[in-house]
Amino acid sequence: MPTHLTAAVFVGTRADLGPLSPVLEALQAADDVSLRVLTGVMYAAPDLVAALPTSVPEEVWREVVVPLAEPMGEMTVGAQLEQGGLLARAVGEALTAHDVDVLVVLGDRWELLYVVPPAVLLGVPVVHLHGGEVTEGALDERVRHAVTKLADQHCVASEDAAARVRQLGEPADRVHVTGAPGLDRLAGAVPMTDLELADLLGVERIERPLALFTYHPPTAQPGVPVGDWAREAAQAALATCGTVVATHPGMDEGRDEILAALTALAADDPCLVLVAALGRDYPRVLASADVVVGNSSSGVIEAATLHVAAVDIGERQRGRLRGDNVLHADEGRHAVEDALRTALRPVWRRRSAEVANPYGTGGASAAILDIVREAALVPRVKPFVDQRPAPASAPTGRPRTSEEEEE
């Protein structure tokens, strides 16, 4: 094993910053690792530094953050393609300039299609977190599996995800069930009092039940009325809950329509509190919530750790592993409202209080650190592992000889 290595971690948006935060802390604390944090979709360097874990002083984070491009403004396919080109060039330059030994990426965001290939071309091993999962209602599904085939090592969150990665032909010794790293930051999260929440959100008081709301564009369903769907989902939350804390949607096409709908609704109803992100306060706010509602992975993956009921809306997370605390609702106000009323009943709250999170119990970041350390030693040649032997009659792939042709 190398005595010292340089690891780069790409952080595009809050979608990967939250789950990556424990991994960043572990890498930064390791004496044998030099960390570089690459960014360039949602964050300018100062904004990312301000959002990174407080366990590390900001002056240290400032030394390791490497901006690749200016943050995006509008969210259209054209803007994504333009930003992607900037990222690809800048990633290649950064990996070379900083002598990076290993690149760590998480999940399924569209920008990984531009971030990972430069590493592959440069021979920098890629460690991929959260591969093998299913989200059939989002473009993320395709990106995730594409990154799996480009990556060298896989830190997956569950056994079913590991099986899918192996099904894609990845060698079993490169697939590691670590659990979801984002759960590490939830350990010991103490709920905020209502007074603390009101002060954080800048409101006079918190009315119960408290809902945590996030609605992202369902990117595998083009042409759908995402603004209307988001508004109706938020209206359902307002009809069943006293205070609804809504965070901004993710950086995908459709974001602007959703944000416009929520902004207009918040202007008319003070019970809807719209914030850009909860950042470092997210674990304690989640611990304080009565229900999580929307189509974000936070309800499906993280809410179970803190035994919070969740309502998952629509198709975006379809097929994803989930705990017994999660209820599904179709799009539309009435369907979401019905599901929320069920989730807020005592019987469902008791069910949520007893749930075991299928994504693990914490400690993933320590396991991931060990895998990052070893990644530089793994051969670049990666065999494709067939899950079952080819039929005896299958062609061998070599040209037939003249004797065989005559036979």
Protein backbone atom coordinates (compact mmCIF):
# COMPACT_ATOMS: atom_id res chain seq x y z
CA MET A 1 0.00 0.00 0.00
CA PRO A 2 1.36 3.48 -0.82
CA THR A 3 2.70 5.33 2.23
CA HIS A 4 0.81 8.43 1.14
CA LEU A 5 -1.81 9.17 -1.51
CA THR A 6 -3.80 12.08 -2.84
CA ALA A 7 -7.56 11.50 -3.02
CA ALA A 8 -9.93 13.82 -4.87
CA VAL A 9 -13.64 13.85 -4.05
CA PHE A 10 -16.15 15.47 -6.40
CA VAL A 11 -18.98 17.45 -4.77
CA GLY A 12 -21.45 18.88 -7.27
CA THR A 13 -24.55 19.80 -5.27
CA ARG A 14 -26.08 19.33 -1.84
CA ALA A 15 -27.38 15.97 -3.10
CA ASP A 16 -23.88 14.54 -2.77
CA LEU A 17 -22.43 16.91 -0.17
CA GLY A 18 -24.64 15.51 2.61
CA PRO A 19 -23.84 11.82 2.05
CA LEU A 20 -20.18 12.62 1.34
CA SER A 21 -19.59 14.77 4.42
CA PRO A 22 -18.56 11.86 6.72
CA VAL A 23 -16.27 10.53 3.97
CA LEU A 24 -14.65 13.95 3.56
CA GLU A 25 -14.08 14.15 7.30
CA ALA A 26 -12.50 10.69 7.37
CA LEU A 27 -10.20 11.44 4.43
CA GLN A 28 -9.17 14.81 5.84
CA ALA A 29 -8.35 13.27 9.22
CA ALA A 30 -6.21 10.48 7.75
CA ASP A 31 -2.47 11.13 8.14
CA ASP A 32 -1.64 9.18 5.00
CA VAL A 33 -4.10 10.99 2.69
CA SER A 34 -3.98 14.42 1.07
CA LEU A 35 -7.50 15.51 0.20
CA ARG A 36 -8.74 17.65 -2.70
CA VAL A 37 -12.43 18.54 -2.98
CA LEU A 38 -13.49 19.28 -6.56
CA THR A 39 -16.65 21.29 -7.21
CA GLY A 40 -18.36 23.14 -10.02
CA VAL A 41 -22.15 22.79 -10.39
CA MET A 42 -23.99 24.32 -7.44
CA TYR A 43 -21.19 25.73 -5.30
CA ALA A 44 -18.65 28.48 -5.64
CA ALA A 45 -15.58 27.65 -3.57
CA PRO A 46 -16.46 29.97 -0.62
CA ASP A 47 -20.01 28.60 -0.49
CA LEU A 48 -18.80 25.02 -0.40
CA VAL A 49 -16.26 25.83 2.31
CA ALA A 50 -19.06 27.33 4.39
CA ALA A 51 -21.20 24.21 3.92
CA LEU A 52 -18.52 21.60 4.71
CA PRO A 53 -18.47 19.90 8.14
CA THR A 54 -17.49 22.11 11.06
CA SER A 55 -15.28 19.37 12.52
CA VAL A 56 -12.57 20.74 10.21
CA PRO A 57 -11.60 24.45 10.41
CA GLU A 58 -12.67 26.55 7.43
CA GLU A 59 -9.09 27.61 6.76
CA VAL A 60 -8.22 23.93 6.22
CA TRP A 61 -11.16 23.43 3.86
CA ARG A 62 -10.13 26.52 1.90
CA GLU A 63 -6.77 24.89 1.19
CA VAL A 64 -8.29 21.71 -0.27
CA VAL A 65 -11.31 22.96 -2.27
CA VAL A 66 -10.60 23.13 -6.01
CA PRO A 67 -13.22 25.02 -8.09
CA LEU A 68 -13.66 23.56 -11.57
CA ALA A 69 -16.20 26.02 -12.98
CA GLU A 70 -18.51 28.81 -11.90
CA PRO A 71 -21.83 27.65 -10.39
CA MET A 72 -24.71 27.19 -12.78
CA GLY A 73 -27.47 29.76 -13.14
CA GLU A 74 -30.28 28.48 -15.33
CA MET A 75 -31.11 24.79 -15.42
CA THR A 76 -31.74 23.66 -19.00
CA VAL A 77 -30.30 20.80 -21.03
CA GLY A 78 -28.30 23.34 -23.00
CA ALA A 79 -26.82 24.76 -19.81
CA GLN A 80 -26.02 21.25 -18.56
CA LEU A 81 -24.18 20.39 -21.79
CA GLU A 82 -22.20 23.61 -21.64
CA GLN A 83 -21.30 23.09 -17.98
CA GLY A 84 -20.39 19.50 -18.67
CA GLY A 85 -17.77 20.51 -21.21
CA LEU A 86 -16.23 22.93 -18.73
CA LEU A 87 -16.17 20.25 -16.03
CA ALA A 88 -14.55 17.62 -18.23
CA ARG A 89 -11.65 19.85 -19.19
CA ALA A 90 -11.18 21.18 -15.66
CA VAL A 91 -11.30 17.74 -14.04
CA GLY A 92 -8.56 16.49 -16.32
CA GLU A 93 -6.41 19.49 -15.49
CA ALA A 94 -7.05 19.21 -11.73
CA LEU A 95 -6.29 15.48 -11.55
CA THR A 96 -2.99 16.09 -13.32
CA ALA A 97 -2.00 19.27 -11.48
CA HIS A 98 -2.63 17.77 -8.03
CA ASP A 99 -1.13 14.33 -8.82
CA VAL A 100 -4.37 12.65 -7.77
CA ASP A 101 -4.09 8.91 -7.05
CA VAL A 102 -7.80 8.13 -6.54
CA LEU A 103 -11.05 9.90 -7.46
CA VAL A 104 -14.13 9.37 -5.25
CA VAL A 105 -17.62 10.07 -6.62
CA LEU A 106 -21.07 9.39 -5.25
CA GLY A 107 -24.32 8.41 -6.83
CA ASP A 108 -25.97 9.22 -10.06
CA ARG A 109 -25.95 12.91 -10.90
CA TRP A 110 -25.77 13.91 -14.59
CA GLU A 111 -22.50 15.78 -14.05
CA LEU A 112 -20.70 12.51 -13.32
CA LEU A 113 -20.92 11.76 -17.05
CA TYR A 114 -18.34 14.55 -17.46
CA VAL A 115 -16.37 14.12 -14.23
CA VAL A 116 -15.55 10.40 -14.36
CA PRO A 117 -14.34 9.87 -17.99
CA PRO A 118 -11.29 12.17 -17.61
CA ALA A 119 -10.14 10.03 -14.68
CA VAL A 120 -10.58 6.85 -16.74
CA LEU A 121 -8.57 8.31 -19.61
CA LEU A 122 -5.81 9.45 -17.25
CA GLY A 123 -5.63 6.09 -15.48
CA VAL A 124 -6.82 7.47 -12.12
CA PRO A 125 -8.79 4.76 -10.22
CA VAL A 126 -12.40 5.69 -9.48
CA VAL A 127 -14.16 4.70 -6.25
CA HIS A 128 -17.93 4.90 -6.73
CA LEU A 129 -20.34 5.16 -3.80
CA HIS A 130 -24.04 4.22 -3.89
CA GLY A 131 -23.93 2.23 -7.10
CA GLY A 132 -26.33 -0.60 -7.89
CA GLU A 133 -29.51 1.14 -6.71
CA VAL A 134 -32.72 1.54 -8.67
CA THR A 135 -34.52 4.83 -9.35
CA GLU A 136 -36.52 4.07 -12.46
CA GLY A 137 -38.28 7.44 -12.53
CA ALA A 138 -35.12 9.50 -12.97
CA LEU A 139 -32.35 9.86 -15.54
CA ASP A 140 -30.07 9.20 -12.55
CA GLU A 141 -30.77 5.49 -13.04
CA ARG A 142 -28.81 5.38 -16.30
CA VAL A 143 -26.02 7.59 -15.02
CA ARG A 144 -25.52 5.42 -11.95
CA HIS A 145 -25.10 2.23 -13.96
CA ALA A 146 -22.85 3.96 -16.50
CA VAL A 147 -20.55 5.13 -13.71
CA THR A 148 -20.49 1.58 -12.33
CA LYS A 149 -18.91 0.33 -15.55
CA LEU A 150 -16.34 3.15 -15.50
CA ALA A 151 -15.44 2.75 -11.82
CA ASP A 152 -12.73 0.54 -10.33
CA GLN A 153 -14.11 0.00 -6.81
CA HIS A 154 -17.72 0.01 -5.61
CA CYS A 155 -18.85 0.97 -2.10
CA VAL A 156 -22.52 0.04 -2.12
CA ALA A 157 -25.13 0.68 0.53
CA SER A 158 -26.97 -2.65 0.62
CA GLU A 159 -26.79 -6.29 -0.40
CA ASP A 160 -29.34 -5.90 -3.20
CA ALA A 161 -27.24 -3.10 -4.69
CA ALA A 162 -24.14 -5.31 -4.50
CA ALA A 163 -25.98 -8.04 -6.42
CA ARG A 164 -26.88 -5.61 -9.20
CA VAL A 165 -23.31 -4.34 -9.51
CA ARG A 166 -22.09 -7.93 -9.82
CA GLN A 167 -24.87 -8.54 -12.34
CA LEU A 168 -23.33 -5.77 -14.44
CA GLY A 169 -20.21 -7.90 -14.69
CA GLU A 170 -18.14 -6.33 -11.90
CA PRO A 171 -15.76 -8.66 -10.04
CA ALA A 172 -17.03 -9.57 -6.57
CA ASP A 173 -13.75 -8.55 -4.91
CA ARG A 174 -14.31 -4.98 -6.14
CA VAL A 175 -17.82 -4.73 -4.63
CA HIS A 176 -17.96 -3.74 -0.95
CA VAL A 177 -21.15 -3.44 1.12
CA THR A 178 -20.30 -0.47 3.35
CA GLY A 179 -23.76 0.92 4.05
CA ALA A 180 -24.83 4.45 3.18
CA PRO A 181 -22.19 6.99 4.32
CA GLY A 182 -24.79 9.71 4.84
CA LEU A 183 -26.13 7.77 7.81
CA ASP A 184 -22.88 8.37 9.69
CA ARG A 185 -23.76 12.03 10.21
CA LEU A 186 -27.14 11.12 11.71
CA ALA A 187 -25.67 9.18 14.61
CA GLY A 188 -26.55 10.98 17.80
CA ALA A 189 -28.54 13.72 16.06
CA VAL A 190 -30.49 15.52 18.80
CA PRO A 191 -33.88 16.93 17.78
CA MET A 192 -34.20 20.70 17.91
CA THR A 193 -36.76 22.24 20.20
CA ASP A 194 -39.54 24.14 18.48
CA LEU A 195 -37.96 27.37 19.71
CA GLU A 196 -34.63 26.41 18.12
CA LEU A 197 -36.37 25.49 14.89
CA ALA A 198 -38.30 28.76 14.80
CA ASP A 199 -35.08 30.70 15.34
CA LEU A 200 -33.27 28.74 12.62
CA LEU A 201 -36.07 29.25 10.11
CA GLY A 202 -36.82 32.84 11.03
CA VAL A 203 -40.47 32.25 11.88
CA GLU A 204 -42.53 33.22 14.90
CA ARG A 205 -43.36 29.66 15.95
CA ILE A 206 -43.51 26.05 14.79
CA GLU A 207 -46.89 24.42 14.45
CA ARG A 208 -47.11 20.65 14.65
CA PRO A 209 -47.08 18.32 12.80
CA LEU A 210 -43.82 19.44 11.18
CA ALA A 211 -43.15 18.23 7.62
CA LEU A 212 -39.81 18.29 5.83
CA PHE A 213 -40.56 18.68 2.10
CA THR A 214 -38.31 18.19 -0.93
CA TYR A 215 -39.53 17.74 -4.49
CA HIS A 216 -37.05 17.18 -7.34
CA PRO A 217 -37.71 17.05 -11.10
CA PRO A 218 -38.63 13.48 -12.17
CA THR A 219 -36.16 13.56 -15.05
CA ALA A 220 -37.22 10.29 -16.70
CA GLN A 221 -40.68 11.71 -17.37
CA PRO A 222 -40.24 14.48 -19.97
CA GLY A 223 -43.02 16.95 -20.57
CA VAL A 224 -44.83 16.41 -17.28
CA PRO A 225 -46.17 19.40 -15.27
CA VAL A 226 -43.49 19.36 -12.59
CA GLY A 227 -44.43 22.78 -11.25
CA ASP A 228 -48.06 21.73 -10.80
CA TRP A 229 -47.08 18.43 -9.21
CA ALA A 230 -44.77 20.14 -6.74
CA ARG A 231 -47.39 22.73 -5.83
CA GLU A 232 -50.07 20.07 -5.29
CA ALA A 233 -47.74 18.00 -3.13
CA ALA A 234 -46.91 21.05 -1.01
CA GLN A 235 -50.60 21.91 -0.73
CA ALA A 236 -51.26 18.40 0.54
CA ALA A 237 -48.55 18.86 3.16
CA LEU A 238 -50.05 22.20 4.22
CA ALA A 239 -53.49 20.60 4.51
CA THR A 240 -52.22 17.96 6.93
CA CYS A 241 -49.31 19.64 8.75
CA GLY A 242 -48.90 22.81 10.78
CA THR A 243 -45.49 23.85 9.42
CA VAL A 244 -43.90 22.67 6.17
CA VAL A 245 -40.17 23.27 5.67
CA ALA A 246 -39.43 23.02 1.94
CA THR A 247 -35.92 22.93 0.50
CA HIS A 248 -35.02 23.93 -3.05
CA PRO A 249 -35.18 21.24 -5.77
CA GLY A 250 -32.08 19.64 -7.26
CA MET A 251 -30.03 20.94 -10.18
CA ASP A 252 -31.97 19.29 -13.01
CA GLU A 253 -34.13 20.56 -15.84
CA GLY A 254 -37.50 21.42 -14.28
CA ARG A 255 -35.91 23.00 -11.21
CA ASP A 256 -37.00 26.51 -12.22
CA GLU A 257 -40.67 25.51 -12.61
CA ILE A 258 -40.72 23.79 -9.22
CA LEU A 259 -38.98 26.67 -7.49
CA ALA A 260 -41.38 29.20 -9.01
CA ALA A 261 -44.40 27.19 -7.86
CA LEU A 262 -43.10 26.82 -4.30
CA THR A 263 -42.06 30.46 -4.08
CA ALA A 264 -45.54 31.60 -5.09
CA LEU A 265 -47.17 29.22 -2.61
CA ALA A 266 -44.90 30.34 0.23
CA ALA A 267 -45.79 33.96 -0.48
CA ASP A 268 -49.47 33.14 0.04
CA ASP A 269 -49.13 30.76 3.00
CA PRO A 270 -46.68 31.55 5.83
CA CYS A 271 -46.92 27.96 7.06
CA LEU A 272 -44.73 26.98 4.09
CA VAL A 273 -41.14 27.96 4.90
CA LEU A 274 -38.96 27.79 1.78
CA VAL A 275 -35.18 27.54 2.32
CA ALA A 276 -32.37 26.92 -0.16
CA ALA A 277 -30.91 24.09 1.93
CA LEU A 278 -30.56 23.01 5.55
CA GLY A 279 -26.88 22.16 5.24
CA ARG A 280 -25.20 21.39 8.54
CA ASP A 281 -28.53 21.67 10.37
CA TYR A 282 -30.17 18.93 8.31
CA PRO A 283 -29.58 16.02 10.75
CA ARG A 284 -31.16 17.85 13.69
CA VAL A 285 -34.06 19.19 11.60
CA LEU A 286 -34.75 15.70 10.25
CA ALA A 287 -34.69 14.35 13.81
CA SER A 288 -37.26 17.01 14.74
CA ALA A 289 -39.67 16.31 11.88
CA ASP A 290 -42.92 14.40 12.19
CA VAL A 291 -42.87 13.34 8.55
CA VAL A 292 -40.69 13.63 5.43
CA VAL A 293 -42.58 14.13 2.17
CA GLY A 294 -41.48 14.47 -1.45
CA ASN A 295 -39.48 12.45 -3.95
CA SER A 296 -35.99 12.82 -2.52
CA SER A 297 -33.73 9.97 -1.48
CA SER A 298 -33.57 11.50 2.01
CA GLY A 299 -37.00 10.12 2.81
CA VAL A 300 -36.19 6.70 1.42
CA ILE A 301 -32.64 6.32 2.76
CA GLU A 302 -32.10 8.55 5.77
CA ALA A 303 -35.43 9.03 7.55
CA ALA A 304 -35.47 5.45 8.82
CA THR A 305 -32.30 5.96 10.85
CA LEU A 306 -34.08 8.61 12.92
CA HIS A 307 -37.37 6.68 12.88
CA VAL A 308 -39.27 9.39 11.01
CA ALA A 309 -42.25 8.48 8.82
CA ALA A 310 -41.85 9.28 5.12
CA VAL A 311 -44.16 9.71 2.12
CA ASP A 312 -42.49 9.07 -1.23
CA ILE A 313 -44.30 10.69 -4.16
CA GLY A 314 -44.49 9.61 -7.77
CA GLU A 315 -42.07 7.63 -9.90
CA ARG A 316 -38.70 9.22 -9.21
CA GLN A 317 -37.62 6.70 -6.55
CA ARG A 318 -39.50 3.76 -8.05
CA GLY A 319 -37.72 0.46 -7.45
CA ARG A 320 -35.45 1.74 -4.67
CA LEU A 321 -35.01 -0.26 -1.49
CA ARG A 322 -36.90 1.29 1.41
CA GLY A 323 -37.74 0.68 5.02
CA ASP A 324 -41.14 0.04 6.57
CA ASN A 325 -41.45 3.70 7.53
CA VAL A 326 -42.00 4.75 3.88
CA LEU A 327 -45.44 5.11 2.29
CA HIS A 328 -45.83 5.62 -1.45
CA ALA A 329 -48.23 8.13 -3.00
CA ASP A 330 -49.08 8.82 -6.62
CA GLU A 331 -48.78 12.36 -7.93
CA GLY A 332 -51.66 14.71 -7.14
CA ARG A 333 -52.90 16.51 -4.06
CA HIS A 334 -55.51 13.97 -2.98
CA ALA A 335 -53.18 10.97 -3.20
CA VAL A 336 -50.43 12.75 -1.27
CA GLU A 337 -52.85 14.06 1.33
CA ASP A 338 -54.28 10.59 1.93
CA ALA A 339 -50.78 9.14 2.37
CA LEU A 340 -49.78 11.90 4.76
CA ARG A 341 -52.82 11.34 6.93
CA THR A 342 -51.87 7.67 7.17
CA ALA A 343 -48.21 8.46 7.92
CA LEU A 344 -49.19 10.82 10.76
CA ARG A 345 -51.46 8.31 12.49
CA PRO A 346 -50.18 6.72 15.73
CA VAL A 347 -50.01 3.24 14.19
CA TRP A 348 -47.65 4.39 11.42
CA ARG A 349 -45.56 6.39 13.87
CA ARG A 350 -45.13 3.28 16.00
CA ARG A 351 -44.16 1.36 12.88
CA SER A 352 -41.57 4.02 12.02
CA ALA A 353 -40.21 3.99 15.55
CA GLU A 354 -39.42 0.28 15.20
CA VAL A 355 -37.98 0.32 11.67
CA ALA A 356 -34.50 -1.00 10.90
CA ASN A 357 -32.77 0.96 8.17
CA PRO A 358 -31.91 -1.40 5.26
CA TYR A 359 -29.06 0.96 4.29
CA GLY A 360 -27.03 0.20 7.39
CA THR A 361 -26.38 1.43 10.89
CA GLY A 362 -23.48 3.83 10.33
CA GLY A 363 -19.73 3.43 10.16
CA ALA A 364 -19.59 3.45 6.36
CA SER A 365 -17.02 6.24 6.09
CA ALA A 366 -14.33 4.26 7.93
CA ALA A 367 -14.82 1.31 5.59
CA ILE A 368 -14.74 3.60 2.56
CA LEU A 369 -11.47 5.16 3.76
CA ASP A 370 -9.83 1.72 3.73
CA ILE A 371 -11.09 1.01 0.22
CA VAL A 372 -9.80 4.37 -1.04
CA ARG A 373 -6.39 3.53 0.42
CA GLU A 374 -6.31 0.24 -1.46
CA ALA A 375 -7.78 1.49 -4.75
CA ALA A 376 -4.48 2.71 -6.15
CA LEU A 377 -3.06 -0.82 -5.91
CA VAL A 378 -5.81 -2.57 -7.87
CA PRO A 379 -4.89 -3.46 -11.48
CA ARG A 380 -6.40 -1.18 -14.09
CA VAL A 381 -7.52 -4.16 -16.19
CA LYS A 382 -10.96 -5.12 -14.92
CA PRO A 383 -12.38 -8.48 -16.04
CA PHE A 384 -16.02 -8.82 -16.96
CA VAL A 385 -17.57 -11.57 -14.85
CA ASP A 386 -20.41 -13.47 -16.50
CA GLN A 387 -23.06 -14.47 -14.00
CA ARG A 388 -23.67 -17.82 -15.70
CA PRO A 389 -21.64 -19.86 -18.16
CA ALA A 390 -22.31 -19.35 -21.85
CA PRO A 391 -24.31 -22.14 -23.60
CA ALA A 392 -22.15 -24.83 -25.17
CA SER A 393 -23.41 -23.88 -28.64
CA ALA A 394 -22.46 -20.22 -28.27
CA PRO A 395 -19.91 -18.97 -30.84
CA THR A 396 -16.35 -18.70 -29.56
CA GLY A 397 -15.71 -15.34 -31.15
CA ARG A 398 -12.79 -16.60 -33.32
CA PRO A 399 -12.94 -16.99 -37.11
CA ARG A 400 -13.82 -20.48 -38.32
CA THR A 401 -11.07 -22.46 -40.07
CA SER A 402 -11.46 -23.83 -43.57
CA GLU A 403 -11.70 -27.34 -42.12
CA GLU A 404 -14.54 -26.29 -39.86
CA GLU A 405 -16.32 -24.62 -42.75
CA GLU A 406 -16.13 -27.87 -44.74
CA GLU A 407 -17.55 -29.83 -41.83
